[in-house]
Amino acid sequence: MIETPRGRAQDRKRVAGGQDQEVRYEAKKEAVTKDAVKKSVKKVGNSRTKVEADLETKL
């Protein structure tokens, strides 16, 4: 795992639904709304793979 400047581990396999920049990034990447990403995180959990798969089924 990558460490942040503060020395904390950063897990890129997760989508932090409460972090606006992560939601915005995922929304832009998948060409959906931020609200759709937040709903998907709430529905399937914060695994990036599961969120992306759920968003692809909605397209």
N, C-alpha and C. Protein backbone atom coordinates (compact mmCIF):
# COMPACT_ATOMS: atom_id res chain seq x y z
N MET A 1 0.83 -1.18 0.00
CA MET A 1 0.00 0.00 0.00
C MET A 1 0.88 1.24 0.00
N ILE A 2 0.32 2.28 -0.54
CA ILE A 2 1.01 3.56 -0.61
C ILE A 2 0.76 4.33 0.68
N GLU A 3 1.78 5.07 1.12
CA GLU A 3 1.61 5.90 2.30
C GLU A 3 1.37 7.34 1.90
N THR A 4 0.50 8.00 2.63
CA THR A 4 0.23 9.41 2.42
C THR A 4 1.35 10.22 3.06
N PRO A 5 1.39 11.52 2.80
CA PRO A 5 2.42 12.35 3.44
C PRO A 5 2.37 12.29 4.97
N ARG A 6 1.22 11.97 5.51
CA ARG A 6 1.09 11.87 6.97
C ARG A 6 1.57 10.53 7.50
N GLY A 7 1.93 9.62 6.59
CA GLY A 7 2.43 8.32 7.03
C GLY A 7 1.35 7.27 7.17
N ARG A 8 0.16 7.57 6.70
CA ARG A 8 -0.93 6.61 6.79
C ARG A 8 -1.02 5.78 5.52
N ALA A 9 -1.49 4.57 5.64
CA ALA A 9 -1.64 3.71 4.47
C ALA A 9 -2.84 4.17 3.65
N GLN A 10 -2.68 4.14 2.34
CA GLN A 10 -3.75 4.54 1.44
C GLN A 10 -4.16 3.33 0.62
N ASP A 11 -5.42 3.00 0.63
CA ASP A 11 -5.91 1.82 -0.07
C ASP A 11 -6.68 2.26 -1.31
N ARG A 12 -6.12 2.03 -2.47
CA ARG A 12 -6.76 2.44 -3.72
C ARG A 12 -7.82 1.45 -4.18
N LYS A 13 -7.99 0.36 -3.46
CA LYS A 13 -9.00 -0.62 -3.81
C LYS A 13 -10.36 -0.27 -3.22
N ARG A 14 -10.44 0.82 -2.51
CA ARG A 14 -11.68 1.23 -1.86
C ARG A 14 -12.11 2.62 -2.34
N VAL A 15 -13.42 2.85 -2.33
CA VAL A 15 -13.96 4.16 -2.64
C VAL A 15 -14.53 4.72 -1.35
N ALA A 16 -13.98 5.83 -0.89
CA ALA A 16 -14.47 6.46 0.33
C ALA A 16 -15.67 7.34 -0.05
N GLY A 17 -16.87 6.85 0.23
CA GLY A 17 -18.08 7.56 -0.15
C GLY A 17 -18.22 8.92 0.50
N GLY A 18 -17.55 9.14 1.60
CA GLY A 18 -17.64 10.42 2.30
C GLY A 18 -16.60 11.43 1.83
N GLN A 19 -15.67 11.00 0.99
CA GLN A 19 -14.63 11.88 0.48
C GLN A 19 -15.04 12.42 -0.88
N ASP A 20 -15.32 13.71 -0.94
CA ASP A 20 -15.83 14.32 -2.17
C ASP A 20 -14.90 14.11 -3.36
N GLN A 21 -13.59 14.21 -3.15
CA GLN A 21 -12.67 14.06 -4.26
C GLN A 21 -12.68 12.64 -4.83
N GLU A 22 -12.86 11.64 -3.98
CA GLU A 22 -12.92 10.26 -4.47
C GLU A 22 -14.21 10.00 -5.22
N VAL A 23 -15.32 10.53 -4.71
CA VAL A 23 -16.61 10.36 -5.37
C VAL A 23 -16.58 11.08 -6.72
N ARG A 24 -16.03 12.28 -6.74
CA ARG A 24 -15.94 13.05 -7.98
C ARG A 24 -15.07 12.34 -9.02
N TYR A 25 -13.94 11.78 -8.59
CA TYR A 25 -13.04 11.05 -9.48
C TYR A 25 -13.75 9.84 -10.10
N GLU A 26 -14.41 9.07 -9.25
CA GLU A 26 -15.10 7.86 -9.72
C GLU A 26 -16.24 8.22 -10.65
N ALA A 27 -16.96 9.29 -10.34
CA ALA A 27 -18.07 9.74 -11.19
C ALA A 27 -17.56 10.15 -12.57
N LYS A 28 -16.46 10.88 -12.59
CA LYS A 28 -15.90 11.31 -13.87
C LYS A 28 -15.38 10.12 -14.66
N LYS A 29 -14.73 9.21 -13.98
CA LYS A 29 -14.16 8.02 -14.61
C LYS A 29 -15.23 7.15 -15.24
N GLU A 30 -16.36 7.00 -14.56
CA GLU A 30 -17.44 6.14 -15.03
C GLU A 30 -18.52 6.89 -15.81
N ALA A 31 -18.36 8.20 -15.94
CA ALA A 31 -19.32 9.07 -16.66
C ALA A 31 -20.73 8.96 -16.08
N VAL A 32 -20.80 9.08 -14.75
CA VAL A 32 -22.08 9.08 -14.03
C VAL A 32 -22.09 10.25 -13.06
N THR A 33 -23.19 10.43 -12.36
CA THR A 33 -23.28 11.52 -11.39
C THR A 33 -22.64 11.11 -10.07
N LYS A 34 -22.30 12.12 -9.26
CA LYS A 34 -21.75 11.84 -7.93
C LYS A 34 -22.78 11.11 -7.08
N ASP A 35 -24.04 11.46 -7.25
CA ASP A 35 -25.11 10.81 -6.50
C ASP A 35 -25.18 9.32 -6.83
N ALA A 36 -24.98 8.97 -8.09
CA ALA A 36 -25.01 7.57 -8.50
C ALA A 36 -23.87 6.79 -7.84
N VAL A 37 -22.71 7.42 -7.72
CA VAL A 37 -21.57 6.76 -7.07
C VAL A 37 -21.87 6.55 -5.59
N LYS A 38 -22.40 7.56 -4.93
CA LYS A 38 -22.72 7.44 -3.51
C LYS A 38 -23.76 6.35 -3.26
N LYS A 39 -24.78 6.28 -4.12
CA LYS A 39 -25.80 5.23 -3.98
C LYS A 39 -25.20 3.85 -4.19
N SER A 40 -24.29 3.75 -5.16
CA SER A 40 -23.64 2.48 -5.43
C SER A 40 -22.77 2.03 -4.26
N VAL A 41 -22.03 2.96 -3.66
CA VAL A 41 -21.21 2.63 -2.49
C VAL A 41 -22.10 2.15 -1.35
N LYS A 42 -23.22 2.81 -1.18
CA LYS A 42 -24.15 2.42 -0.11
C LYS A 42 -24.75 1.03 -0.39
N LYS A 43 -24.98 0.74 -1.66
CA LYS A 43 -25.62 -0.52 -2.06
C LYS A 43 -24.67 -1.72 -2.00
N VAL A 44 -23.46 -1.58 -2.59
CA VAL A 44 -22.57 -2.73 -2.72
C VAL A 44 -21.35 -2.69 -1.81
N GLY A 45 -21.17 -1.60 -1.09
CA GLY A 45 -19.99 -1.47 -0.23
C GLY A 45 -18.94 -0.60 -0.88
N ASN A 46 -17.78 -0.48 -0.25
CA ASN A 46 -16.78 0.47 -0.75
C ASN A 46 -15.69 -0.16 -1.60
N SER A 47 -15.85 -1.40 -2.01
CA SER A 47 -14.89 -2.03 -2.90
C SER A 47 -14.98 -1.38 -4.28
N ARG A 48 -13.86 -0.86 -4.77
CA ARG A 48 -13.84 -0.15 -6.05
C ARG A 48 -14.33 -1.06 -7.18
N THR A 49 -13.92 -2.33 -7.16
CA THR A 49 -14.33 -3.28 -8.20
C THR A 49 -15.83 -3.46 -8.22
N LYS A 50 -16.44 -3.63 -7.05
CA LYS A 50 -17.89 -3.83 -6.97
C LYS A 50 -18.65 -2.57 -7.36
N VAL A 51 -18.14 -1.41 -6.95
CA VAL A 51 -18.79 -0.14 -7.29
C VAL A 51 -18.76 0.06 -8.79
N GLU A 52 -17.60 -0.17 -9.42
CA GLU A 52 -17.49 0.00 -10.87
C GLU A 52 -18.40 -0.98 -11.61
N ALA A 53 -18.48 -2.22 -11.13
CA ALA A 53 -19.35 -3.21 -11.77
C ALA A 53 -20.81 -2.81 -11.65
N ASP A 54 -21.20 -2.30 -10.48
CA ASP A 54 -22.58 -1.86 -10.28
C ASP A 54 -22.91 -0.67 -11.17
N LEU A 55 -21.99 0.25 -11.31
CA LEU A 55 -22.23 1.42 -12.15
C LEU A 55 -22.31 1.04 -13.63
N GLU A 56 -21.55 0.04 -14.04
CA GLU A 56 -21.60 -0.39 -15.44
C GLU A 56 -22.92 -1.04 -15.79
N THR A 57 -23.54 -1.71 -14.82
CA THR A 57 -24.84 -2.33 -15.09
C THR A 57 -25.94 -1.29 -15.27
N LYS A 58 -25.73 -0.10 -14.70
CA LYS A 58 -26.72 0.97 -14.79
C LYS A 58 -26.63 1.72 -16.12
N LEU A 59 -25.52 1.56 -16.83
CA LEU A 59 -25.35 2.27 -18.11
C LEU A 59 -26.06 1.55 -19.17
